[in-house]
């Protein structure tokens, strides 16, 4: 009988996804989220980067270095935006996992761009550079010192503390992704007031979209797609300027029309709003009741329809190559 430590048995066990592994690490030490993320990204994704870059060069033999960089950025941005679309409706519990996936994909893009510049994507310096590019530290030396001092915690927080840690980590990941802009420390009262007003407006919009997403999950798609795209564009601009002197892209002009993927997401959101309207109409027309009231039936029907729409999209998303 094979021993339980037999490699054949160990290899057959399904390992947790990188996103869940990262989330488990940061929950044990929420205060060092950036450092844990940077070290984890270099360890887990860094070894695969050289082959990915080599494959890209083989697939586009006549491409210039600028074209290869543009392809890496575009491919990474598509992946980051798709992770943001997971955040919505009945899948709100997946928000931290989706954030982890988006952060890891951003880190993967940074490592691929570094590899195009001839740098080793598995070196500790790449983790330090990632921290600097994310704005966590002012220079690479301080970032590397912090990485050496930081060790992921080994203990798991208790259940009450775990929920508090999950909330803290989720907010910190949103700041790190650029979804929620952190304060700039300005002492100017006018600038602080404007920043507070902008942040209040963002929270208001987020709250409205959140409430709508509870009923129609796909409402999140156009909103999160735009937010993720803008945040990722800011990061990749810094990366290109850091690794490729003189290769930073020109200032982006304001788009005169919506991009096709944004239009498609908006269309899905509008169609998803029709689902609760149809369900409500059918519920009242059929006259179904529970305890002589239509409202419990309507609540159950809306929840079921919302979960069904979200599940269909989720399955379609994960079946894509």
C-alpha atoms as a PDB file:
ATOM      1  CA  UNK A   1       0.000   0.000   0.000  1.00  0.00           C
ATOM      2  CA  UNK A   2       1.529   3.351  -0.986  1.00  0.00           C
ATOM      3  CA  UNK A   3       2.610   5.629   1.824  1.00  0.00           C
ATOM      4  CA  UNK A   4       0.635   8.857   2.137  1.00  0.00           C
ATOM      5  CA  UNK A   5       3.840  10.822   1.445  1.00  0.00           C
ATOM      6  CA  UNK A   6       4.356   8.968  -1.832  1.00  0.00           C
ATOM      7  CA  UNK A   7       5.049  11.577  -4.564  1.00  0.00           C
ATOM      8  CA  UNK A   8       2.367  10.027  -6.749  1.00  0.00           C
ATOM      9  CA  UNK A   9      -0.226  10.713  -4.076  1.00  0.00           C
ATOM     10  CA  UNK A  10       1.125  14.149  -3.201  1.00  0.00           C
ATOM     11  CA  UNK A  11       1.148  15.138  -6.846  1.00  0.00           C
ATOM     12  CA  UNK A  12      -2.454  14.045  -7.282  1.00  0.00           C
ATOM     13  CA  UNK A  13      -3.688  16.444  -4.608  1.00  0.00           C
ATOM     14  CA  UNK A  14      -5.150  19.590  -6.017  1.00  0.00           C
ATOM     15  CA  UNK A  15      -3.153  22.598  -4.894  1.00  0.00           C
ATOM     16  CA  UNK A  16      -4.971  25.842  -4.092  1.00  0.00           C
ATOM     17  CA  UNK A  17      -4.999  28.453  -6.823  1.00  0.00           C
ATOM     18  CA  UNK A  18      -2.386  31.234  -6.626  1.00  0.00           C
ATOM     19  CA  UNK A  19      -5.140  33.729  -5.809  1.00  0.00           C
ATOM     20  CA  UNK A  20      -6.382  31.752  -2.814  1.00  0.00           C
ATOM     21  CA  UNK A  21      -2.839  31.005  -1.670  1.00  0.00           C
ATOM     22  CA  UNK A  22      -2.008  34.715  -1.741  1.00  0.00           C
ATOM     23  CA  UNK A  23      -5.223  35.611   0.075  1.00  0.00           C
ATOM     24  CA  UNK A  24      -4.436  33.084   2.801  1.00  0.00           C
ATOM     25  CA  UNK A  25      -0.978  34.606   3.277  1.00  0.00           C
ATOM     26  CA  UNK A  26      -2.097  38.227   3.471  1.00  0.00           C
ATOM     27  CA  UNK A  27      -4.888  37.400   5.918  1.00  0.00           C
ATOM     28  CA  UNK A  28      -2.261  36.264   8.414  1.00  0.00           C
ATOM     29  CA  UNK A  29      -0.439  39.602   8.123  1.00  0.00           C
ATOM     30  CA  UNK A  30      -2.656  42.302   6.555  1.00  0.00           C
ATOM     31  CA  UNK A  31      -0.212  45.063   7.424  1.00  0.00           C
ATOM     32  CA  UNK A  32       2.375  43.763   4.938  1.00  0.00           C
ATOM     33  CA  UNK A  33       0.115  43.189   1.947  1.00  0.00           C
ATOM     34  CA  UNK A  34       2.396  44.902  -0.646  1.00  0.00           C
ATOM     35  CA  UNK A  35       5.520  43.065   0.509  1.00  0.00           C
ATOM     36  CA  UNK A  36       3.787  39.680   0.636  1.00  0.00           C
ATOM     37  CA  UNK A  37       2.287  40.245  -2.803  1.00  0.00           C
ATOM     38  CA  UNK A  38       5.595  41.274  -4.379  1.00  0.00           C
ATOM     39  CA  UNK A  39       7.518  38.326  -2.949  1.00  0.00           C
ATOM     40  CA  UNK A  40       4.745  35.867  -3.794  1.00  0.00           C
ATOM     41  CA  UNK A  41       4.484  37.144  -7.383  1.00  0.00           C
ATOM     42  CA  UNK A  42       8.205  36.786  -8.019  1.00  0.00           C
ATOM     43  CA  UNK A  43       8.300  33.291  -6.502  1.00  0.00           C
ATOM     44  CA  UNK A  44       5.152  31.924  -8.154  1.00  0.00           C
ATOM     45  CA  UNK A  45       4.992  33.692 -11.517  1.00  0.00           C
ATOM     46  CA  UNK A  46       8.579  34.780 -12.078  1.00  0.00           C
ATOM     47  CA  UNK A  47       9.890  31.346 -13.195  1.00  0.00           C
ATOM     48  CA  UNK A  48       7.286  31.124 -15.981  1.00  0.00           C
ATOM     49  CA  UNK A  49       8.001  34.582 -17.389  1.00  0.00           C
ATOM     50  CA  UNK A  50      11.124  33.783 -19.495  1.00  0.00           C
ATOM     51  CA  UNK A  51       9.303  31.083 -21.444  1.00  0.00           C
ATOM     52  CA  UNK A  52       6.274  33.343 -21.918  1.00  0.00           C
ATOM     53  CA  UNK A  53       8.478  36.105 -23.308  1.00  0.00           C
ATOM     54  CA  UNK A  54      10.347  33.650 -25.536  1.00  0.00           C
ATOM     55  CA  UNK A  55       7.032  32.296 -26.817  1.00  0.00           C
ATOM     56  CA  UNK A  56       5.873  35.821 -27.582  1.00  0.00           C
ATOM     57  CA  UNK A  57       9.052  36.494 -29.568  1.00  0.00           C
ATOM     58  CA  UNK A  58       8.608  33.234 -31.498  1.00  0.00           C
ATOM     59  CA  UNK A  59       5.001  34.031 -32.328  1.00  0.00           C
ATOM     60  CA  UNK A  60       5.914  37.495 -33.600  1.00  0.00           C
ATOM     61  CA  UNK A  61       9.359  37.158 -35.203  1.00  0.00           C
ATOM     62  CA  UNK A  62       9.164  40.440 -37.091  1.00  0.00           C
ATOM     63  CA  UNK A  63       7.874  42.562 -34.205  1.00  0.00           C
ATOM     64  CA  UNK A  64       9.910  45.431 -32.828  1.00  0.00           C
ATOM     65  CA  UNK A  65      10.649  45.760 -29.131  1.00  0.00           C
ATOM     66  CA  UNK A  66       8.041  48.507 -28.861  1.00  0.00           C
ATOM     67  CA  UNK A  67       5.440  46.226 -30.451  1.00  0.00           C
ATOM     68  CA  UNK A  68       6.321  43.411 -28.078  1.00  0.00           C
ATOM     69  CA  UNK A  69       5.943  45.740 -25.115  1.00  0.00           C
ATOM     70  CA  UNK A  70       2.587  46.923 -26.427  1.00  0.00           C
ATOM     71  CA  UNK A  71       1.431  43.313 -26.808  1.00  0.00           C
ATOM     72  CA  UNK A  72       2.450  42.456 -23.229  1.00  0.00           C
ATOM     73  CA  UNK A  73       0.630  45.516 -21.890  1.00  0.00           C
ATOM     74  CA  UNK A  74      -2.525  44.857 -23.934  1.00  0.00           C
ATOM     75  CA  UNK A  75      -2.640  41.175 -23.009  1.00  0.00           C
ATOM     76  CA  UNK A  76      -2.145  41.925 -19.323  1.00  0.00           C
ATOM     77  CA  UNK A  77      -4.784  44.651 -19.334  1.00  0.00           C
ATOM     78  CA  UNK A  78      -7.381  42.361 -20.876  1.00  0.00           C
ATOM     79  CA  UNK A  79      -6.728  39.810 -18.135  1.00  0.00           C
ATOM     80  CA  UNK A  80      -6.888  42.408 -15.348  1.00  0.00           C
ATOM     81  CA  UNK A  81     -10.170  43.837 -16.645  1.00  0.00           C
ATOM     82  CA  UNK A  82     -11.701  40.361 -16.902  1.00  0.00           C
ATOM     83  CA  UNK A  83     -10.809  39.691 -13.262  1.00  0.00           C
ATOM     84  CA  UNK A  84     -12.589  42.892 -12.282  1.00  0.00           C
ATOM     85  CA  UNK A  85     -15.756  41.677 -13.981  1.00  0.00           C
ATOM     86  CA  UNK A  86     -15.938  38.832 -11.436  1.00  0.00           C
ATOM     87  CA  UNK A  87     -16.832  41.395  -8.777  1.00  0.00           C
ATOM     88  CA  UNK A  88     -20.603  41.599  -8.691  1.00  0.00           C
ATOM     89  CA  UNK A  89     -23.986  40.327  -7.660  1.00  0.00           C
ATOM     90  CA  UNK A  90     -24.096  36.887  -6.060  1.00  0.00           C
ATOM     91  CA  UNK A  91     -20.293  36.626  -6.347  1.00  0.00           C
ATOM     92  CA  UNK A  92     -19.536  39.493  -3.960  1.00  0.00           C
ATOM     93  CA  UNK A  93     -17.876  36.895  -1.719  1.00  0.00           C
ATOM     94  CA  UNK A  94     -15.255  36.528  -4.478  1.00  0.00           C
ATOM     95  CA  UNK A  95     -14.189  40.191  -4.315  1.00  0.00           C
ATOM     96  CA  UNK A  96     -10.952  39.478  -2.356  1.00  0.00           C
ATOM     97  CA  UNK A  97     -10.103  36.539  -4.643  1.00  0.00           C
ATOM     98  CA  UNK A  98     -10.750  38.650  -7.749  1.00  0.00           C
ATOM     99  CA  UNK A  99      -8.571  41.440  -6.349  1.00  0.00           C
ATOM    100  CA  UNK A 100      -5.767  38.955  -5.666  1.00  0.00           C
ATOM    101  CA  UNK A 101      -6.037  37.625  -9.215  1.00  0.00           C
ATOM    102  CA  UNK A 102      -5.907  41.145 -10.661  1.00  0.00           C
ATOM    103  CA  UNK A 103      -2.902  42.091  -8.523  1.00  0.00           C
ATOM    104  CA  UNK A 104      -1.040  38.944  -9.552  1.00  0.00           C
ATOM    105  CA  UNK A 105      -1.813  39.626 -13.214  1.00  0.00           C
ATOM    106  CA  UNK A 106      -0.526  43.181 -12.885  1.00  0.00           C
ATOM    107  CA  UNK A 107       2.631  41.829 -11.264  1.00  0.00           C
ATOM    108  CA  UNK A 108       2.988  39.314 -14.101  1.00  0.00           C
ATOM    109  CA  UNK A 109       2.842  42.159 -16.633  1.00  0.00           C
ATOM    110  CA  UNK A 110       5.528  44.075 -14.729  1.00  0.00           C
ATOM    111  CA  UNK A 111       7.772  40.991 -14.654  1.00  0.00           C
ATOM    112  CA  UNK A 112       7.277  40.359 -18.383  1.00  0.00           C
ATOM    113  CA  UNK A 113       8.194  43.952 -19.201  1.00  0.00           C
ATOM    114  CA  UNK A 114      11.246  43.641 -16.975  1.00  0.00           C
ATOM    115  CA  UNK A 115      12.218  40.464 -18.837  1.00  0.00           C
ATOM    116  CA  UNK A 116      11.890  42.299 -22.154  1.00  0.00           C
ATOM    117  CA  UNK A 117      14.383  44.770 -20.729  1.00  0.00           C
ATOM    118  CA  UNK A 118      16.786  41.886 -20.074  1.00  0.00           C
ATOM    119  CA  UNK A 119      16.218  41.617 -16.309  1.00  0.00           C
ATOM    120  CA  UNK A 120      15.839  38.413 -14.339  1.00  0.00           C
ATOM    121  CA  UNK A 121      12.127  38.081 -13.360  1.00  0.00           C
ATOM    122  CA  UNK A 122      13.003  35.779 -10.443  1.00  0.00           C
ATOM    123  CA  UNK A 123      15.437  38.147  -8.706  1.00  0.00           C
ATOM    124  CA  UNK A 124      14.605  39.838  -5.409  1.00  0.00           C
ATOM    125  CA  UNK A 125      15.230  43.178  -7.102  1.00  0.00           C
ATOM    126  CA  UNK A 126      12.115  42.668  -9.237  1.00  0.00           C
ATOM    127  CA  UNK A 127       9.982  42.441  -6.092  1.00  0.00           C
ATOM    128  CA  UNK A 128      11.561  45.645  -4.826  1.00  0.00           C
ATOM    129  CA  UNK A 129      10.922  47.382  -8.142  1.00  0.00           C
ATOM    130  CA  UNK A 130       7.319  46.220  -8.099  1.00  0.00           C
ATOM    131  CA  UNK A 131       6.847  47.809  -4.666  1.00  0.00           C
ATOM    132  CA  UNK A 132       8.295  51.081  -5.935  1.00  0.00           C
ATOM    133  CA  UNK A 133       6.135  51.057  -9.065  1.00  0.00           C
ATOM    134  CA  UNK A 134       3.039  50.452  -6.943  1.00  0.00           C
ATOM    135  CA  UNK A 135       3.954  53.414  -4.766  1.00  0.00           C
ATOM    136  CA  UNK A 136       4.546  51.389  -1.607  1.00  0.00           C
ATOM    137  CA  UNK A 137       8.184  52.597  -1.203  1.00  0.00           C
ATOM    138  CA  UNK A 138      10.171  55.549  -2.566  1.00  0.00           C
ATOM    139  CA  UNK A 139      13.185  53.529  -3.751  1.00  0.00           C
ATOM    140  CA  UNK A 140      14.266  49.962  -4.420  1.00  0.00           C
ATOM    141  CA  UNK A 141      16.769  49.773  -1.543  1.00  0.00           C
ATOM    142  CA  UNK A 142      14.114  50.490   1.076  1.00  0.00           C
ATOM    143  CA  UNK A 143      11.748  48.072  -0.636  1.00  0.00           C
ATOM    144  CA  UNK A 144      14.338  45.274  -0.640  1.00  0.00           C
ATOM    145  CA  UNK A 145      15.133  45.882   3.039  1.00  0.00           C
ATOM    146  CA  UNK A 146      11.417  45.598   3.817  1.00  0.00           C
ATOM    147  CA  UNK A 147      11.183  42.361   1.836  1.00  0.00           C
ATOM    148  CA  UNK A 148      14.050  40.857   3.818  1.00  0.00           C
ATOM    149  CA  UNK A 149      12.422  41.824   7.116  1.00  0.00           C
ATOM    150  CA  UNK A 150       8.942  40.675   6.114  1.00  0.00           C
ATOM    151  CA  UNK A 151       7.999  37.066   6.544  1.00  0.00           C
ATOM    152  CA  UNK A 152       4.425  35.885   5.898  1.00  0.00           C
ATOM    153  CA  UNK A 153       2.684  34.998   9.150  1.00  0.00           C
ATOM    154  CA  UNK A 154       2.169  31.356   9.965  1.00  0.00           C
ATOM    155  CA  UNK A 155      -0.843  31.690  12.247  1.00  0.00           C
ATOM    156  CA  UNK A 156      -4.405  32.003  11.031  1.00  0.00           C
ATOM    157  CA  UNK A 157      -6.572  34.701  12.679  1.00  0.00           C
ATOM    158  CA  UNK A 158      -9.641  33.636  14.632  1.00  0.00           C
ATOM    159  CA  UNK A 159     -13.037  33.894  12.963  1.00  0.00           C
ATOM    160  CA  UNK A 160     -14.052  37.343  14.338  1.00  0.00           C
ATOM    161  CA  UNK A 161     -10.598  38.723  13.636  1.00  0.00           C
ATOM    162  CA  UNK A 162     -10.515  36.966  10.257  1.00  0.00           C
ATOM    163  CA  UNK A 163     -13.516  38.932   9.000  1.00  0.00           C
ATOM    164  CA  UNK A 164     -11.921  42.190  10.165  1.00  0.00           C
ATOM    165  CA  UNK A 165      -8.667  41.189   8.451  1.00  0.00           C
ATOM    166  CA  UNK A 166     -10.559  40.317   5.269  1.00  0.00           C
ATOM    167  CA  UNK A 167     -12.195  43.759   5.206  1.00  0.00           C
ATOM    168  CA  UNK A 168      -8.856  45.486   5.825  1.00  0.00           C
ATOM    169  CA  UNK A 169      -7.097  43.432   3.152  1.00  0.00           C
ATOM    170  CA  UNK A 170      -9.864  44.079   0.608  1.00  0.00           C
ATOM    171  CA  UNK A 171      -9.625  47.846   1.087  1.00  0.00           C
ATOM    172  CA  UNK A 172      -5.827  47.765   0.906  1.00  0.00           C
ATOM    173  CA  UNK A 173      -5.936  45.718  -2.288  1.00  0.00           C
ATOM    174  CA  UNK A 174      -8.368  48.241  -3.795  1.00  0.00           C
ATOM    175  CA  UNK A 175      -5.886  51.020  -3.001  1.00  0.00           C
ATOM    176  CA  UNK A 176      -2.978  49.001  -4.371  1.00  0.00           C
ATOM    177  CA  UNK A 177      -4.877  48.285  -7.580  1.00  0.00           C
ATOM    178  CA  UNK A 178      -5.684  51.965  -7.963  1.00  0.00           C
ATOM    179  CA  UNK A 179      -9.453  51.438  -7.658  1.00  0.00           C
ATOM    180  CA  UNK A 180      -9.547  53.617  -4.529  1.00  0.00           C
ATOM    181  CA  UNK A 181      -7.017  56.410  -4.757  1.00  0.00           C
ATOM    182  CA  UNK A 182      -5.056  56.928  -1.510  1.00  0.00           C
ATOM    183  CA  UNK A 183      -4.522  60.372  -0.101  1.00  0.00           C
ATOM    184  CA  UNK A 184      -1.484  62.307  -1.236  1.00  0.00           C
ATOM    185  CA  UNK A 185      -0.655  63.795   2.137  1.00  0.00           C
ATOM    186  CA  UNK A 186      -1.165  67.360   0.854  1.00  0.00           C
ATOM    187  CA  UNK A 187      -1.419  70.066   3.508  1.00  0.00           C
ATOM    188  CA  UNK A 188      -3.268  72.470   1.207  1.00  0.00           C
ATOM    189  CA  UNK A 189      -6.837  72.837   2.498  1.00  0.00           C
ATOM    190  CA  UNK A 190      -8.268  73.437  -0.969  1.00  0.00           C
ATOM    191  CA  UNK A 191      -6.647  70.319  -2.425  1.00  0.00           C
ATOM    192  CA  UNK A 192      -7.725  68.242   0.560  1.00  0.00           C
ATOM    193  CA  UNK A 193     -11.312  69.458   0.195  1.00  0.00           C
ATOM    194  CA  UNK A 194     -11.346  68.650  -3.514  1.00  0.00           C
ATOM    195  CA  UNK A 195      -9.910  65.204  -2.851  1.00  0.00           C
ATOM    196  CA  UNK A 196     -12.522  64.542  -0.171  1.00  0.00           C
ATOM    197  CA  UNK A 197     -15.276  65.621  -2.567  1.00  0.00           C
ATOM    198  CA  UNK A 198     -13.935  63.383  -5.345  1.00  0.00           C
ATOM    199  CA  UNK A 199     -13.609  60.420  -2.987  1.00  0.00           C
ATOM    200  CA  UNK A 200     -17.121  60.997  -1.656  1.00  0.00           C
ATOM    201  CA  UNK A 201     -18.472  61.020  -5.222  1.00  0.00           C
ATOM    202  CA  UNK A 202     -16.600  57.796  -5.997  1.00  0.00           C
ATOM    203  CA  UNK A 203     -18.002  56.107  -2.912  1.00  0.00           C
ATOM    204  CA  UNK A 204     -21.505  57.281  -3.824  1.00  0.00           C
ATOM    205  CA  UNK A 205     -21.219  55.873  -7.356  1.00  0.00           C
ATOM    206  CA  UNK A 206     -19.733  52.659  -5.974  1.00  0.00           C
ATOM    207  CA  UNK A 207     -22.611  52.327  -3.511  1.00  0.00           C
ATOM    208  CA  UNK A 208     -25.254  52.823  -6.210  1.00  0.00           C
ATOM    209  CA  UNK A 209     -23.569  50.294  -8.502  1.00  0.00           C
ATOM    210  CA  UNK A 210     -23.203  47.889  -5.572  1.00  0.00           C
ATOM    211  CA  UNK A 211     -26.917  48.026  -4.763  1.00  0.00           C
ATOM    212  CA  UNK A 212     -27.850  47.591  -8.413  1.00  0.00           C
ATOM    213  CA  UNK A 213     -25.402  44.685  -8.693  1.00  0.00           C
ATOM    214  CA  UNK A 214     -27.198  42.813  -5.918  1.00  0.00           C
ATOM    215  CA  UNK A 215     -30.151  42.436  -8.287  1.00  0.00           C
ATOM    216  CA  UNK A 216     -28.419  42.519 -11.676  1.00  0.00           C
ATOM    217  CA  UNK A 217     -24.828  41.210 -11.413  1.00  0.00           C
ATOM    218  CA  UNK A 218     -23.737  42.334 -14.876  1.00  0.00           C
ATOM    219  CA  UNK A 219     -24.237  46.000 -13.935  1.00  0.00           C
ATOM    220  CA  UNK A 220     -20.735  45.750 -12.511  1.00  0.00           C
ATOM    221  CA  UNK A 221     -19.177  44.945 -15.890  1.00  0.00           C
ATOM    222  CA  UNK A 222     -18.991  48.400 -17.531  1.00  0.00           C
ATOM    223  CA  UNK A 223     -18.176  50.157 -14.251  1.00  0.00           C
ATOM    224  CA  UNK A 224     -15.382  47.841 -13.153  1.00  0.00           C
ATOM    225  CA  UNK A 225     -14.020  47.523 -16.704  1.00  0.00           C
ATOM    226  CA  UNK A 226     -13.454  51.277 -16.898  1.00  0.00           C
ATOM    227  CA  UNK A 227     -12.015  51.491 -13.379  1.00  0.00           C
ATOM    228  CA  UNK A 228      -9.601  48.603 -13.897  1.00  0.00           C
ATOM    229  CA  UNK A 229      -8.523  49.843 -17.323  1.00  0.00           C
ATOM    230  CA  UNK A 230      -7.652  53.301 -16.028  1.00  0.00           C
ATOM    231  CA  UNK A 231      -5.846  51.976 -12.960  1.00  0.00           C
ATOM    232  CA  UNK A 232      -3.835  49.493 -15.035  1.00  0.00           C
ATOM    233  CA  UNK A 233      -2.957  52.202 -17.563  1.00  0.00           C
ATOM    234  CA  UNK A 234      -1.473  54.361 -14.793  1.00  0.00           C
ATOM    235  CA  UNK A 235       0.652  51.475 -13.548  1.00  0.00           C
ATOM    236  CA  UNK A 236       1.926  50.417 -16.974  1.00  0.00           C
ATOM    237  CA  UNK A 237       2.820  54.020 -17.818  1.00  0.00           C
ATOM    238  CA  UNK A 238       5.078  54.056 -14.746  1.00  0.00           C
ATOM    239  CA  UNK A 239       6.551  50.656 -15.635  1.00  0.00           C
ATOM    240  CA  UNK A 240       7.385  51.673 -19.199  1.00  0.00           C
ATOM    241  CA  UNK A 241       8.978  54.887 -18.021  1.00  0.00           C
ATOM    242  CA  UNK A 242      10.980  53.021 -15.363  1.00  0.00           C
ATOM    243  CA  UNK A 243      12.354  50.170 -17.482  1.00  0.00           C
ATOM    244  CA  UNK A 244      12.624  51.787 -20.894  1.00  0.00           C
ATOM    245  CA  UNK A 245      14.192  55.222 -20.898  1.00  0.00           C
ATOM    246  CA  UNK A 246      12.446  57.370 -23.458  1.00  0.00           C
ATOM    247  CA  UNK A 247       9.918  54.615 -24.145  1.00  0.00           C
ATOM    248  CA  UNK A 248       7.117  55.957 -21.974  1.00  0.00           C
ATOM    249  CA  UNK A 249       3.969  56.368 -24.038  1.00  0.00           C
ATOM    250  CA  UNK A 250       2.729  59.774 -25.019  1.00  0.00           C
ATOM    251  CA  UNK A 251      -0.076  61.292 -22.923  1.00  0.00           C
ATOM    252  CA  UNK A 252      -3.294  59.549 -23.751  1.00  0.00           C
ATOM    253  CA  UNK A 253      -5.908  61.625 -25.508  1.00  0.00           C
ATOM    254  CA  UNK A 254      -9.434  61.547 -24.243  1.00  0.00           C
ATOM    255  CA  UNK A 255     -11.327  58.926 -26.171  1.00  0.00           C
ATOM    256  CA  UNK A 256     -13.926  60.364 -28.533  1.00  0.00           C
ATOM    257  CA  UNK A 257     -15.998  57.216 -28.423  1.00  0.00           C
ATOM    258  CA  UNK A 258     -16.442  54.242 -26.182  1.00  0.00           C
ATOM    259  CA  UNK A 259     -14.303  51.214 -26.848  1.00  0.00           C
ATOM    260  CA  UNK A 260     -16.038  48.054 -28.152  1.00  0.00           C
ATOM    261  CA  UNK A 261     -15.533  46.087 -24.930  1.00  0.00           C
ATOM    262  CA  UNK A 262     -17.030  48.916 -22.852  1.00  0.00           C
ATOM    263  CA  UNK A 263     -20.022  49.107 -25.184  1.00  0.00           C
ATOM    264  CA  UNK A 264     -20.445  45.337 -24.972  1.00  0.00           C
ATOM    265  CA  UNK A 265     -20.275  45.446 -21.177  1.00  0.00           C
ATOM    266  CA  UNK A 266     -22.815  48.276 -21.049  1.00  0.00           C
ATOM    267  CA  UNK A 267     -25.147  46.312 -23.322  1.00  0.00           C
ATOM    268  CA  UNK A 268     -24.898  43.272 -21.057  1.00  0.00           C
ATOM    269  CA  UNK A 269     -25.614  45.482 -18.063  1.00  0.00           C
ATOM    270  CA  UNK A 270     -28.747  46.893 -19.713  1.00  0.00           C
ATOM    271  CA  UNK A 271     -29.895  43.396 -20.654  1.00  0.00           C
ATOM    272  CA  UNK A 272     -29.274  42.184 -17.112  1.00  0.00           C
ATOM    273  CA  UNK A 273     -31.574  44.912 -15.810  1.00  0.00           C
ATOM    274  CA  UNK A 274     -34.358  43.391 -17.890  1.00  0.00           C
ATOM    275  CA  UNK A 275     -34.083  40.139 -15.931  1.00  0.00           C
ATOM    276  CA  UNK A 276     -35.465  41.483 -12.616  1.00  0.00           C
ATOM    277  CA  UNK A 277     -38.135  43.473 -14.491  1.00  0.00           C
ATOM    278  CA  UNK A 278     -39.336  40.354 -16.302  1.00  0.00           C
ATOM    279  CA  UNK A 279     -39.214  38.289 -13.105  1.00  0.00           C
ATOM    280  CA  UNK A 280     -41.224  40.930 -11.240  1.00  0.00           C
ATOM    281  CA  UNK A 281     -43.830  41.086 -13.989  1.00  0.00           C
ATOM    282  CA  UNK A 282     -44.175  37.294 -14.161  1.00  0.00           C
ATOM    283  CA  UNK A 283     -44.452  37.036 -10.373  1.00  0.00           C
ATOM    284  CA  UNK A 284     -47.305  39.533 -10.175  1.00  0.00           C
ATOM    285  CA  UNK A 285     -49.081  38.186 -13.254  1.00  0.00           C
ATOM    286  CA  UNK A 286     -49.073  34.601 -11.993  1.00  0.00           C
ATOM    287  CA  UNK A 287     -50.307  35.665  -8.552  1.00  0.00           C
ATOM    288  CA  UNK A 288     -47.997  33.312  -6.647  1.00  0.00           C
ATOM    289  CA  UNK A 289     -48.011  33.919  -2.884  1.00  0.00           C
ATOM    290  CA  UNK A 290     -46.353  32.689   0.279  1.00  0.00           C
ATOM    291  CA  UNK A 291     -48.272  33.294   3.521  1.00  0.00           C
ATOM    292  CA  UNK A 292     -50.758  35.391   1.537  1.00  0.00           C
ATOM    293  CA  UNK A 293     -48.005  37.739   0.359  1.00  0.00           C
ATOM    294  CA  UNK A 294     -46.300  38.180  -2.999  1.00  0.00           C
ATOM    295  CA  UNK A 295     -43.137  39.716  -1.574  1.00  0.00           C
ATOM    296  CA  UNK A 296     -41.465  36.500  -0.360  1.00  0.00           C
ATOM    297  CA  UNK A 297     -42.071  34.964  -3.803  1.00  0.00           C
ATOM    298  CA  UNK A 298     -40.631  38.048  -5.492  1.00  0.00           C
ATOM    299  CA  UNK A 299     -37.566  38.003  -3.237  1.00  0.00           C
ATOM    300  CA  UNK A 300     -36.872  34.336  -3.918  1.00  0.00           C
ATOM    301  CA  UNK A 301     -37.421  34.789  -7.657  1.00  0.00           C
ATOM    302  CA  UNK A 302     -35.103  37.809  -7.877  1.00  0.00           C
ATOM    303  CA  UNK A 303     -32.379  36.085  -5.872  1.00  0.00           C
ATOM    304  CA  UNK A 304     -32.632  32.968  -8.037  1.00  0.00           C
ATOM    305  CA  UNK A 305     -32.598  34.954 -11.266  1.00  0.00           C
ATOM    306  CA  UNK A 306     -29.630  37.022 -10.103  1.00  0.00           C
ATOM    307  CA  UNK A 307     -27.654  33.936  -9.119  1.00  0.00           C
ATOM    308  CA  UNK A 308     -28.560  32.257 -12.408  1.00  0.00           C
ATOM    309  CA  UNK A 309     -27.409  35.183 -14.544  1.00  0.00           C
ATOM    310  CA  UNK A 310     -24.200  35.461 -12.570  1.00  0.00           C
ATOM    311  CA  UNK A 311     -23.536  31.721 -12.768  1.00  0.00           C
ATOM    312  CA  UNK A 312     -24.013  31.678 -16.540  1.00  0.00           C
ATOM    313  CA  UNK A 313     -21.572  34.536 -17.002  1.00  0.00           C
ATOM    314  CA  UNK A 314     -19.111  32.983 -14.547  1.00  0.00           C
ATOM    315  CA  UNK A 315     -19.178  29.659 -16.401  1.00  0.00           C
ATOM    316  CA  UNK A 316     -18.777  31.347 -19.763  1.00  0.00           C
ATOM    317  CA  UNK A 317     -15.848  33.393 -18.473  1.00  0.00           C
ATOM    318  CA  UNK A 318     -13.981  30.366 -17.149  1.00  0.00           C
ATOM    319  CA  UNK A 319     -14.536  28.326 -20.313  1.00  0.00           C
ATOM    320  CA  UNK A 320     -12.700  30.922 -22.361  1.00  0.00           C
ATOM    321  CA  UNK A 321      -9.077  30.043 -23.214  1.00  0.00           C
END
